[in-house]
């Protein structure tokens, strides 16, 4: 159940790419660490 990554940033992006289809929503805090918003958006 454990995955290592080149920093957490890579794994955040990977987790969004594996989940999201266009139109899906993820709740993200405001203010946020902006990589979360970018990763959600880049995954569609």
ModelCIF file with pLDDT and N, C-alpha, C, O atoms, coordinates in Angstrom:
data_MODEL
#
_entry.id   MODEL 
#
_entity.id                         1 
_entity.type                       polymer 
_entity.pdbx_number_of_molecules   1 
#
_entity_poly.entity_id                      1 
_entity_poly.type                           'polypeptide(L)' 
_entity_poly.nstd_linkage                   no 
_entity_poly.nstd_monomer                   no 
_entity_poly.pdbx_seq_one_letter_code       
;(UNK)(UNK)(UNK)(UNK)(UNK)(UNK)(UNK)(UNK)(UNK)(UNK)(UNK)(UNK)(UNK)(UNK)(UNK)(UNK)
(UNK)(UNK)(UNK)(UNK)(UNK)(UNK)(UNK)(UNK)(UNK)(UNK)(UNK)(UNK)(UNK)(UNK)(UNK)(UNK)
(UNK)(UNK)(UNK)(UNK)(UNK)(UNK)(UNK)(UNK)(UNK)(UNK)(UNK)(UNK)
;
_entity_poly.pdbx_seq_one_letter_code_can   XXXXXXXXXXXXXXXXXXXXXXXXXXXXXXXXXXXXXXXXXXXX 
_entity_poly.pdbx_strand_id                 A 
#
loop_
_entity_poly_seq.entity_id 
_entity_poly_seq.num 
_entity_poly_seq.mon_id 
_entity_poly_seq.hetero 
1 1  UNK n 
1 2  UNK n 
1 3  UNK n 
1 4  UNK n 
1 5  UNK n 
1 6  UNK n 
1 7  UNK n 
1 8  UNK n 
1 9  UNK n 
1 10 UNK n 
1 11 UNK n 
1 12 UNK n 
1 13 UNK n 
1 14 UNK n 
1 15 UNK n 
1 16 UNK n 
1 17 UNK n 
1 18 UNK n 
1 19 UNK n 
1 20 UNK n 
1 21 UNK n 
1 22 UNK n 
1 23 UNK n 
1 24 UNK n 
1 25 UNK n 
1 26 UNK n 
1 27 UNK n 
1 28 UNK n 
1 29 UNK n 
1 30 UNK n 
1 31 UNK n 
1 32 UNK n 
1 33 UNK n 
1 34 UNK n 
1 35 UNK n 
1 36 UNK n 
1 37 UNK n 
1 38 UNK n 
1 39 UNK n 
1 40 UNK n 
1 41 UNK n 
1 42 UNK n 
1 43 UNK n 
1 44 UNK n 
#
_struct_asym.id          A 
_struct_asym.entity_id   1 
#
loop_
_ma_qa_metric.id 
_ma_qa_metric.mode 
_ma_qa_metric.name 
_ma_qa_metric.software_group_id 
_ma_qa_metric.type 
1 global pLDDT . pLDDT 
2 local  pLDDT . pLDDT 
#
_ma_qa_metric_global.metric_id      1 
_ma_qa_metric_global.metric_value   95.30 
_ma_qa_metric_global.model_id       1 
_ma_qa_metric_global.ordinal_id     1 
#
loop_
_ma_qa_metric_local.label_asym_id 
_ma_qa_metric_local.label_comp_id 
_ma_qa_metric_local.label_seq_id 
_ma_qa_metric_local.metric_id 
_ma_qa_metric_local.metric_value 
_ma_qa_metric_local.model_id 
_ma_qa_metric_local.ordinal_id 
A UNK 1  2 97.00 1 1  
A UNK 2  2 97.00 1 2  
A UNK 3  2 97.00 1 3  
A UNK 4  2 95.00 1 4  
A UNK 5  2 92.00 1 5  
A UNK 6  2 92.00 1 6  
A UNK 7  2 90.00 1 7  
A UNK 8  2 93.00 1 8  
A UNK 9  2 93.00 1 9  
A UNK 10 2 95.00 1 10 
A UNK 11 2 96.00 1 11 
A UNK 12 2 97.00 1 12 
A UNK 13 2 96.00 1 13 
A UNK 14 2 95.00 1 14 
A UNK 15 2 96.00 1 15 
A UNK 16 2 96.00 1 16 
A UNK 17 2 94.00 1 17 
A UNK 18 2 94.00 1 18 
A UNK 19 2 95.00 1 19 
A UNK 20 2 94.00 1 20 
A UNK 21 2 93.00 1 21 
A UNK 22 2 93.00 1 22 
A UNK 23 2 92.00 1 23 
A UNK 24 2 97.00 1 24 
A UNK 25 2 98.00 1 25 
A UNK 26 2 98.00 1 26 
A UNK 27 2 98.00 1 27 
A UNK 28 2 98.00 1 28 
A UNK 29 2 97.00 1 29 
A UNK 30 2 97.00 1 30 
A UNK 31 2 96.00 1 31 
A UNK 32 2 95.00 1 32 
A UNK 33 2 95.00 1 33 
A UNK 34 2 94.00 1 34 
A UNK 35 2 95.00 1 35 
A UNK 36 2 97.00 1 36 
A UNK 37 2 96.00 1 37 
A UNK 38 2 96.00 1 38 
A UNK 39 2 96.00 1 39 
A UNK 40 2 97.00 1 40 
A UNK 41 2 96.00 1 41 
A UNK 42 2 95.00 1 42 
A UNK 43 2 95.00 1 43 
A UNK 44 2 95.00 1 44 
#
loop_
_atom_site.group_PDB 
_atom_site.id 
_atom_site.type_symbol 
_atom_site.label_atom_id 
_atom_site.label_alt_id 
_atom_site.label_comp_id 
_atom_site.label_asym_id 
_atom_site.label_entity_id 
_atom_site.label_seq_id 
_atom_site.pdbx_PDB_ins_code 
_atom_site.Cartn_x 
_atom_site.Cartn_y 
_atom_site.Cartn_z 
_atom_site.occupancy 
_atom_site.B_iso_or_equiv 
_atom_site.pdbx_formal_charge 
_atom_site.auth_seq_id 
_atom_site.auth_comp_id 
_atom_site.auth_asym_id 
_atom_site.auth_atom_id 
_atom_site.pdbx_PDB_model_num 
ATOM 1   N N  . UNK A 1 1  ? 0.814   -1.222 0.000   1.00 97.00 ? 1  UNK A N  1 
ATOM 2   C CA . UNK A 1 1  ? 0.000   0.000  0.000   1.00 97.00 ? 1  UNK A CA 1 
ATOM 3   C C  . UNK A 1 1  ? 0.843   1.267  0.000   1.00 97.00 ? 1  UNK A C  1 
ATOM 4   O O  . UNK A 1 1  ? 0.305   2.372  0.055   1.00 97.00 ? 1  UNK A O  1 
ATOM 5   N N  . UNK A 1 2  ? 2.163   1.112  -0.061  1.00 97.00 ? 2  UNK A N  1 
ATOM 6   C CA . UNK A 1 2  ? 3.070   2.257  0.043   1.00 97.00 ? 2  UNK A CA 1 
ATOM 7   C C  . UNK A 1 2  ? 3.784   2.473  -1.289  1.00 97.00 ? 2  UNK A C  1 
ATOM 8   O O  . UNK A 1 2  ? 4.271   1.530  -1.912  1.00 97.00 ? 2  UNK A O  1 
ATOM 9   N N  . UNK A 1 3  ? 3.833   3.739  -1.708  1.00 97.00 ? 3  UNK A N  1 
ATOM 10  C CA . UNK A 1 3  ? 4.506   4.130  -2.949  1.00 97.00 ? 3  UNK A CA 1 
ATOM 11  C C  . UNK A 1 3  ? 5.502   5.240  -2.631  1.00 97.00 ? 3  UNK A C  1 
ATOM 12  O O  . UNK A 1 3  ? 5.137   6.250  -2.030  1.00 97.00 ? 3  UNK A O  1 
ATOM 13  N N  . UNK A 1 4  ? 6.743   5.056  -3.028  1.00 95.00 ? 4  UNK A N  1 
ATOM 14  C CA . UNK A 1 4  ? 7.711   6.134  -2.880  1.00 95.00 ? 4  UNK A CA 1 
ATOM 15  C C  . UNK A 1 4  ? 7.667   7.026  -4.123  1.00 95.00 ? 4  UNK A C  1 
ATOM 16  O O  . UNK A 1 4  ? 7.247   6.596  -5.197  1.00 95.00 ? 4  UNK A O  1 
ATOM 17  N N  . UNK A 1 5  ? 8.109   8.277  -3.956  1.00 92.00 ? 5  UNK A N  1 
ATOM 18  C CA . UNK A 1 5  ? 8.076   9.205  -5.073  1.00 92.00 ? 5  UNK A CA 1 
ATOM 19  C C  . UNK A 1 5  ? 9.221   10.179 -5.037  1.00 92.00 ? 5  UNK A C  1 
ATOM 20  O O  . UNK A 1 5  ? 9.899   10.338 -4.023  1.00 92.00 ? 5  UNK A O  1 
ATOM 21  N N  . UNK A 1 6  ? 9.425   10.833 -6.169  1.00 92.00 ? 6  UNK A N  1 
ATOM 22  C CA . UNK A 1 6  ? 10.413  11.909 -6.258  1.00 92.00 ? 6  UNK A CA 1 
ATOM 23  C C  . UNK A 1 6  ? 9.815   13.158 -5.609  1.00 92.00 ? 6  UNK A C  1 
ATOM 24  O O  . UNK A 1 6  ? 9.425   14.108 -6.288  1.00 92.00 ? 6  UNK A O  1 
ATOM 25  N N  . UNK A 1 7  ? 9.757   13.129 -4.305  1.00 90.00 ? 7  UNK A N  1 
ATOM 26  C CA . UNK A 1 7  ? 9.044   14.146 -3.560  1.00 90.00 ? 7  UNK A CA 1 
ATOM 27  C C  . UNK A 1 7  ? 7.561   13.834 -3.537  1.00 90.00 ? 7  UNK A C  1 
ATOM 28  O O  . UNK A 1 7  ? 7.074   13.017 -4.318  1.00 90.00 ? 7  UNK A O  1 
ATOM 29  N N  . UNK A 1 8  ? 6.843   14.495 -2.631  1.00 93.00 ? 8  UNK A N  1 
ATOM 30  C CA . UNK A 1 8  ? 5.396   14.310 -2.547  1.00 93.00 ? 8  UNK A CA 1 
ATOM 31  C C  . UNK A 1 8  ? 4.708   14.861 -3.794  1.00 93.00 ? 8  UNK A C  1 
ATOM 32  O O  . UNK A 1 8  ? 3.656   14.360 -4.190  1.00 93.00 ? 8  UNK A O  1 
ATOM 33  N N  . UNK A 1 9  ? 5.282   15.873 -4.407  1.00 93.00 ? 9  UNK A N  1 
ATOM 34  C CA . UNK A 1 9  ? 4.640   16.525 -5.555  1.00 93.00 ? 9  UNK A CA 1 
ATOM 35  C C  . UNK A 1 9  ? 4.302   15.525 -6.660  1.00 93.00 ? 9  UNK A C  1 
ATOM 36  O O  . UNK A 1 9  ? 3.202   15.556 -7.212  1.00 93.00 ? 9  UNK A O  1 
ATOM 37  N N  . UNK A 1 10 ? 5.240   14.647 -6.977  1.00 95.00 ? 10 UNK A N  1 
ATOM 38  C CA . UNK A 1 10 ? 5.009   13.659 -8.025  1.00 95.00 ? 10 UNK A CA 1 
ATOM 39  C C  . UNK A 1 10 ? 3.820   12.764 -7.684  1.00 95.00 ? 10 UNK A C  1 
ATOM 40  O O  . UNK A 1 10 ? 3.017   12.433 -8.556  1.00 95.00 ? 10 UNK A O  1 
ATOM 41  N N  . UNK A 1 11 ? 3.712   12.379 -6.431  1.00 96.00 ? 11 UNK A N  1 
ATOM 42  C CA . UNK A 1 11 ? 2.657   11.456 -6.008  1.00 96.00 ? 11 UNK A CA 1 
ATOM 43  C C  . UNK A 1 11 ? 1.292   12.134 -5.959  1.00 96.00 ? 11 UNK A C  1 
ATOM 44  O O  . UNK A 1 11 ? 0.274   11.493 -6.218  1.00 96.00 ? 11 UNK A O  1 
ATOM 45  N N  . UNK A 1 12 ? 1.264   13.422 -5.628  1.00 97.00 ? 12 UNK A N  1 
ATOM 46  C CA . UNK A 1 12 ? 0.006   14.167 -5.675  1.00 97.00 ? 12 UNK A CA 1 
ATOM 47  C C  . UNK A 1 12 ? -0.539  14.164 -7.097  1.00 97.00 ? 12 UNK A C  1 
ATOM 48  O O  . UNK A 1 12 ? -1.715  13.877 -7.320  1.00 97.00 ? 12 UNK A O  1 
ATOM 49  N N  . UNK A 1 13 ? 0.320   14.485 -8.051  1.00 96.00 ? 13 UNK A N  1 
ATOM 50  C CA . UNK A 1 13 ? -0.103  14.509 -9.445  1.00 96.00 ? 13 UNK A CA 1 
ATOM 51  C C  . UNK A 1 13 ? -0.553  13.131 -9.903  1.00 96.00 ? 13 UNK A C  1 
ATOM 52  O O  . UNK A 1 13 ? -1.570  12.998 -10.585 1.00 96.00 ? 13 UNK A O  1 
ATOM 53  N N  . UNK A 1 14 ? 0.203   12.110 -9.529  1.00 95.00 ? 14 UNK A N  1 
ATOM 54  C CA . UNK A 1 14 ? -0.137  10.736 -9.899  1.00 95.00 ? 14 UNK A CA 1 
ATOM 55  C C  . UNK A 1 14 ? -1.502  10.338 -9.327  1.00 95.00 ? 14 UNK A C  1 
ATOM 56  O O  . UNK A 1 14 ? -2.299  9.701  -10.015 1.00 95.00 ? 14 UNK A O  1 
ATOM 57  N N  . UNK A 1 15 ? -1.769  10.705 -8.086  1.00 96.00 ? 15 UNK A N  1 
ATOM 58  C CA . UNK A 1 15 ? -3.038  10.320 -7.448  1.00 96.00 ? 15 UNK A CA 1 
ATOM 59  C C  . UNK A 1 15 ? -4.235  10.960 -8.127  1.00 96.00 ? 15 UNK A C  1 
ATOM 60  O O  . UNK A 1 15 ? -5.311  10.364 -8.176  1.00 96.00 ? 15 UNK A O  1 
ATOM 61  N N  . UNK A 1 16 ? -4.063  12.168 -8.651  1.00 96.00 ? 16 UNK A N  1 
ATOM 62  C CA . UNK A 1 16 ? -5.160  12.831 -9.358  1.00 96.00 ? 16 UNK A CA 1 
ATOM 63  C C  . UNK A 1 16 ? -5.339  12.251 -10.760 1.00 96.00 ? 16 UNK A C  1 
ATOM 64  O O  . UNK A 1 16 ? -6.467  12.063 -11.216 1.00 96.00 ? 16 UNK A O  1 
ATOM 65  N N  . UNK A 1 17 ? -4.236  11.969 -11.440 1.00 94.00 ? 17 UNK A N  1 
ATOM 66  C CA . UNK A 1 17 ? -4.318  11.414 -12.791 1.00 94.00 ? 17 UNK A CA 1 
ATOM 67  C C  . UNK A 1 17 ? -4.991  10.052 -12.803 1.00 94.00 ? 17 UNK A C  1 
ATOM 68  O O  . UNK A 1 17 ? -5.671  9.696  -13.765 1.00 94.00 ? 17 UNK A O  1 
ATOM 69  N N  . UNK A 1 18 ? -4.802  9.294  -11.737 1.00 94.00 ? 18 UNK A N  1 
ATOM 70  C CA . UNK A 1 18 ? -5.395  7.967  -11.669 1.00 94.00 ? 18 UNK A CA 1 
ATOM 71  C C  . UNK A 1 18 ? -6.869  7.973  -11.321 1.00 94.00 ? 18 UNK A C  1 
ATOM 72  O O  . UNK A 1 18 ? -7.530  6.940  -11.426 1.00 94.00 ? 18 UNK A O  1 
ATOM 73  N N  . UNK A 1 19 ? -7.401  9.123  -10.907 1.00 95.00 ? 19 UNK A N  1 
ATOM 74  C CA . UNK A 1 19 ? -8.771  9.181  -10.389 1.00 95.00 ? 19 UNK A CA 1 
ATOM 75  C C  . UNK A 1 19 ? -9.744  9.942  -11.270 1.00 95.00 ? 19 UNK A C  1 
ATOM 76  O O  . UNK A 1 19 ? -10.868 9.487  -11.481 1.00 95.00 ? 19 UNK A O  1 
ATOM 77  N N  . UNK A 1 20 ? -9.336  11.089 -11.787 1.00 94.00 ? 20 UNK A N  1 
ATOM 78  C CA . UNK A 1 20 ? -10.303 12.075 -12.259 1.00 94.00 ? 20 UNK A CA 1 
ATOM 79  C C  . UNK A 1 20 ? -10.644 11.946 -13.735 1.00 94.00 ? 20 UNK A C  1 
ATOM 80  O O  . UNK A 1 20 ? -9.784  11.692 -14.579 1.00 94.00 ? 20 UNK A O  1 
ATOM 81  N N  . UNK A 1 21 ? -11.933 12.132 -14.016 1.00 93.00 ? 21 UNK A N  1 
ATOM 82  C CA . UNK A 1 21 ? -12.437 12.337 -15.363 1.00 93.00 ? 21 UNK A CA 1 
ATOM 83  C C  . UNK A 1 21 ? -12.926 13.777 -15.460 1.00 93.00 ? 21 UNK A C  1 
ATOM 84  O O  . UNK A 1 21 ? -13.114 14.441 -14.440 1.00 93.00 ? 21 UNK A O  1 
ATOM 85  N N  . UNK A 1 22 ? -13.133 14.259 -16.681 1.00 93.00 ? 22 UNK A N  1 
ATOM 86  C CA . UNK A 1 22 ? -13.610 15.621 -16.868 1.00 93.00 ? 22 UNK A CA 1 
ATOM 87  C C  . UNK A 1 22 ? -14.957 15.798 -16.166 1.00 93.00 ? 22 UNK A C  1 
ATOM 88  O O  . UNK A 1 22 ? -15.873 14.992 -16.331 1.00 93.00 ? 22 UNK A O  1 
ATOM 89  N N  . UNK A 1 23 ? -15.053 16.858 -15.390 1.00 92.00 ? 23 UNK A N  1 
ATOM 90  C CA . UNK A 1 23 ? -16.282 17.128 -14.636 1.00 92.00 ? 23 UNK A CA 1 
ATOM 91  C C  . UNK A 1 23 ? -16.216 16.696 -13.196 1.00 92.00 ? 23 UNK A C  1 
ATOM 92  O O  . UNK A 1 23 ? -17.009 17.166 -12.380 1.00 92.00 ? 23 UNK A O  1 
ATOM 93  N N  . UNK A 1 24 ? -15.292 15.810 -12.854 1.00 97.00 ? 24 UNK A N  1 
ATOM 94  C CA . UNK A 1 24 ? -15.139 15.398 -11.457 1.00 97.00 ? 24 UNK A CA 1 
ATOM 95  C C  . UNK A 1 24 ? -14.594 16.563 -10.633 1.00 97.00 ? 24 UNK A C  1 
ATOM 96  O O  . UNK A 1 24 ? -13.856 17.409 -11.139 1.00 97.00 ? 24 UNK A O  1 
ATOM 97  N N  . UNK A 1 25 ? -14.971 16.589 -9.355  1.00 98.00 ? 25 UNK A N  1 
ATOM 98  C CA . UNK A 1 25 ? -14.562 17.678 -8.468  1.00 98.00 ? 25 UNK A CA 1 
ATOM 99  C C  . UNK A 1 25 ? -13.777 17.148 -7.276  1.00 98.00 ? 25 UNK A C  1 
ATOM 100 O O  . UNK A 1 25 ? -14.053 16.066 -6.758  1.00 98.00 ? 25 UNK A O  1 
ATOM 101 N N  . UNK A 1 26 ? -12.797 17.930 -6.856  1.00 98.00 ? 26 UNK A N  1 
ATOM 102 C CA . UNK A 1 26 ? -12.049 17.670 -5.630  1.00 98.00 ? 26 UNK A CA 1 
ATOM 103 C C  . UNK A 1 26 ? -12.113 18.928 -4.767  1.00 98.00 ? 26 UNK A C  1 
ATOM 104 O O  . UNK A 1 26 ? -11.866 20.035 -5.246  1.00 98.00 ? 26 UNK A O  1 
ATOM 105 N N  . UNK A 1 27 ? -12.447 18.746 -3.495  1.00 98.00 ? 27 UNK A N  1 
ATOM 106 C CA . UNK A 1 27 ? -12.462 19.866 -2.555  1.00 98.00 ? 27 UNK A CA 1 
ATOM 107 C C  . UNK A 1 27 ? -11.039 20.152 -2.087  1.00 98.00 ? 27 UNK A C  1 
ATOM 108 O O  . UNK A 1 27 ? -10.350 19.262 -1.588  1.00 98.00 ? 27 UNK A O  1 
ATOM 109 N N  . UNK A 1 28 ? -10.610 21.389 -2.251  1.00 98.00 ? 28 UNK A N  1 
ATOM 110 C CA . UNK A 1 28 ? -9.245  21.809 -1.930  1.00 98.00 ? 28 UNK A CA 1 
ATOM 111 C C  . UNK A 1 28 ? -9.328  23.038 -1.032  1.00 98.00 ? 28 UNK A C  1 
ATOM 112 O O  . UNK A 1 28 ? -10.160 23.912 -1.280  1.00 98.00 ? 28 UNK A O  1 
ATOM 113 N N  . UNK A 1 29 ? -8.495  23.137 0.005   1.00 97.00 ? 29 UNK A N  1 
ATOM 114 C CA . UNK A 1 29 ? -8.601  24.296 0.896   1.00 97.00 ? 29 UNK A CA 1 
ATOM 115 C C  . UNK A 1 29 ? -8.188  25.601 0.237   1.00 97.00 ? 29 UNK A C  1 
ATOM 116 O O  . UNK A 1 29 ? -7.393  25.612 -0.702  1.00 97.00 ? 29 UNK A O  1 
ATOM 117 N N  . UNK A 1 30 ? -8.730  26.689 0.733   1.00 97.00 ? 30 UNK A N  1 
ATOM 118 C CA . UNK A 1 30 ? -8.275  28.039 0.381   1.00 97.00 ? 30 UNK A CA 1 
ATOM 119 C C  . UNK A 1 30 ? -7.980  28.753 1.686   1.00 97.00 ? 30 UNK A C  1 
ATOM 120 O O  . UNK A 1 30 ? -8.884  28.952 2.497   1.00 97.00 ? 30 UNK A O  1 
ATOM 121 N N  . UNK A 1 31 ? -6.700  29.151 1.912   1.00 96.00 ? 31 UNK A N  1 
ATOM 122 C CA . UNK A 1 31 ? -5.581  29.027 0.981   1.00 96.00 ? 31 UNK A CA 1 
ATOM 123 C C  . UNK A 1 31 ? -5.083  27.590 0.887   1.00 96.00 ? 31 UNK A C  1 
ATOM 124 O O  . UNK A 1 31 ? -5.320  26.773 1.777   1.00 96.00 ? 31 UNK A O  1 
ATOM 125 N N  . UNK A 1 32 ? -4.388  27.299 -0.214  1.00 95.00 ? 32 UNK A N  1 
ATOM 126 C CA . UNK A 1 32 ? -3.912  25.941 -0.455  1.00 95.00 ? 32 UNK A CA 1 
ATOM 127 C C  . UNK A 1 32 ? -2.434  25.945 -0.826  1.00 95.00 ? 32 UNK A C  1 
ATOM 128 O O  . UNK A 1 32 ? -1.837  26.994 -1.071  1.00 95.00 ? 32 UNK A O  1 
ATOM 129 N N  . UNK A 1 33 ? -1.856  24.736 -0.860  1.00 95.00 ? 33 UNK A N  1 
ATOM 130 C CA . UNK A 1 33 ? -0.576  24.556 -1.535  1.00 95.00 ? 33 UNK A CA 1 
ATOM 131 C C  . UNK A 1 33 ? -0.932  24.398 -3.010  1.00 95.00 ? 33 UNK A C  1 
ATOM 132 O O  . UNK A 1 33 ? -1.573  23.409 -3.364  1.00 95.00 ? 33 UNK A O  1 
ATOM 133 N N  . UNK A 1 34 ? -0.542  25.333 -3.893  1.00 94.00 ? 34 UNK A N  1 
ATOM 134 C CA . UNK A 1 34 ? -1.137  25.428 -5.227  1.00 94.00 ? 34 UNK A CA 1 
ATOM 135 C C  . UNK A 1 34 ? -0.942  24.213 -6.119  1.00 94.00 ? 34 UNK A C  1 
ATOM 136 O O  . UNK A 1 34 ? -1.658  24.060 -7.109  1.00 94.00 ? 34 UNK A O  1 
ATOM 137 N N  . UNK A 1 35 ? 0.015   23.340 -5.791  1.00 95.00 ? 35 UNK A N  1 
ATOM 138 C CA . UNK A 1 35 ? 0.183   22.143 -6.605  1.00 95.00 ? 35 UNK A CA 1 
ATOM 139 C C  . UNK A 1 35 ? -1.079  21.283 -6.597  1.00 95.00 ? 35 UNK A C  1 
ATOM 140 O O  . UNK A 1 35 ? -1.376  20.618 -7.589  1.00 95.00 ? 35 UNK A O  1 
ATOM 141 N N  . UNK A 1 36 ? -1.822  21.288 -5.495  1.00 97.00 ? 36 UNK A N  1 
ATOM 142 C CA . UNK A 1 36 ? -3.053  20.498 -5.435  1.00 97.00 ? 36 UNK A CA 1 
ATOM 143 C C  . UNK A 1 36 ? -4.055  20.971 -6.487  1.00 97.00 ? 36 UNK A C  1 
ATOM 144 O O  . UNK A 1 36 ? -4.611  20.165 -7.233  1.00 97.00 ? 36 UNK A O  1 
ATOM 145 N N  . UNK A 1 37 ? -4.276  22.266 -6.541  1.00 96.00 ? 37 UNK A N  1 
ATOM 146 C CA . UNK A 1 37 ? -5.216  22.800 -7.524  1.00 96.00 ? 37 UNK A CA 1 
ATOM 147 C C  . UNK A 1 37 ? -4.726  22.527 -8.939  1.00 96.00 ? 37 UNK A C  1 
ATOM 148 O O  . UNK A 1 37 ? -5.512  22.130 -9.800  1.00 96.00 ? 37 UNK A O  1 
ATOM 149 N N  . UNK A 1 38 ? -3.447  22.732 -9.186  1.00 96.00 ? 38 UNK A N  1 
ATOM 150 C CA . UNK A 1 38 ? -2.895  22.492 -10.518 1.00 96.00 ? 38 UNK A CA 1 
ATOM 151 C C  . UNK A 1 38 ? -3.015  21.030 -10.917 1.00 96.00 ? 38 UNK A C  1 
ATOM 152 O O  . UNK A 1 38 ? -3.350  20.724 -12.061 1.00 96.00 ? 38 UNK A O  1 
ATOM 153 N N  . UNK A 1 39 ? -2.740  20.115 -9.974  1.00 96.00 ? 39 UNK A N  1 
ATOM 154 C CA . UNK A 1 39 ? -2.795  18.679 -10.285 1.00 96.00 ? 39 UNK A CA 1 
ATOM 155 C C  . UNK A 1 39 ? -4.222  18.232 -10.590 1.00 96.00 ? 39 UNK A C  1 
ATOM 156 O O  . UNK A 1 39 ? -4.444  17.429 -11.496 1.00 96.00 ? 39 UNK A O  1 
ATOM 157 N N  . UNK A 1 40 ? -5.183  18.750 -9.838  1.00 97.00 ? 40 UNK A N  1 
ATOM 158 C CA . UNK A 1 40 ? -6.588  18.440 -10.112 1.00 97.00 ? 40 UNK A CA 1 
ATOM 159 C C  . UNK A 1 40 ? -6.960  18.907 -11.511 1.00 97.00 ? 40 UNK A C  1 
ATOM 160 O O  . UNK A 1 40 ? -7.573  18.167 -12.280 1.00 97.00 ? 40 UNK A O  1 
ATOM 161 N N  . UNK A 1 41 ? -6.591  20.127 -11.831 1.00 96.00 ? 41 UNK A N  1 
ATOM 162 C CA . UNK A 1 41 ? -6.969  20.723 -13.115 1.00 96.00 ? 41 UNK A CA 1 
ATOM 163 C C  . UNK A 1 41 ? -6.290  20.008 -14.281 1.00 96.00 ? 41 UNK A C  1 
ATOM 164 O O  . UNK A 1 41 ? -6.926  19.730 -15.298 1.00 96.00 ? 41 UNK A O  1 
ATOM 165 N N  . UNK A 1 42 ? -5.000  19.712 -14.134 1.00 95.00 ? 42 UNK A N  1 
ATOM 166 C CA . UNK A 1 42 ? -4.269  19.035 -15.215 1.00 95.00 ? 42 UNK A CA 1 
ATOM 167 C C  . UNK A 1 42 ? -4.785  17.626 -15.449 1.00 95.00 ? 42 UNK A C  1 
ATOM 168 O O  . UNK A 1 42 ? -4.637  17.092 -16.548 1.00 95.00 ? 42 UNK A O  1 
ATOM 169 N N  . UNK A 1 43 ? -5.390  17.010 -14.431 1.00 95.00 ? 43 UNK A N  1 
ATOM 170 C CA . UNK A 1 43 ? -5.971  15.673 -14.589 1.00 95.00 ? 43 UNK A CA 1 
ATOM 171 C C  . UNK A 1 43 ? -7.368  15.726 -15.198 1.00 95.00 ? 43 UNK A C  1 
ATOM 172 O O  . UNK A 1 43 ? -7.989  14.686 -15.421 1.00 95.00 ? 43 UNK A O  1 
ATOM 173 N N  . UNK A 1 44 ? -7.864  16.932 -15.465 1.00 95.00 ? 44 UNK A N  1 
ATOM 174 C CA . UNK A 1 44 ? -9.176  17.081 -16.085 1.00 95.00 ? 44 UNK A CA 1 
ATOM 175 C C  . UNK A 1 44 ? -10.291 17.361 -15.118 1.00 95.00 ? 44 UNK A C  1 
ATOM 176 O O  . UNK A 1 44 ? -11.442 17.506 -15.528 1.00 95.00 ? 44 UNK A O  1 
#
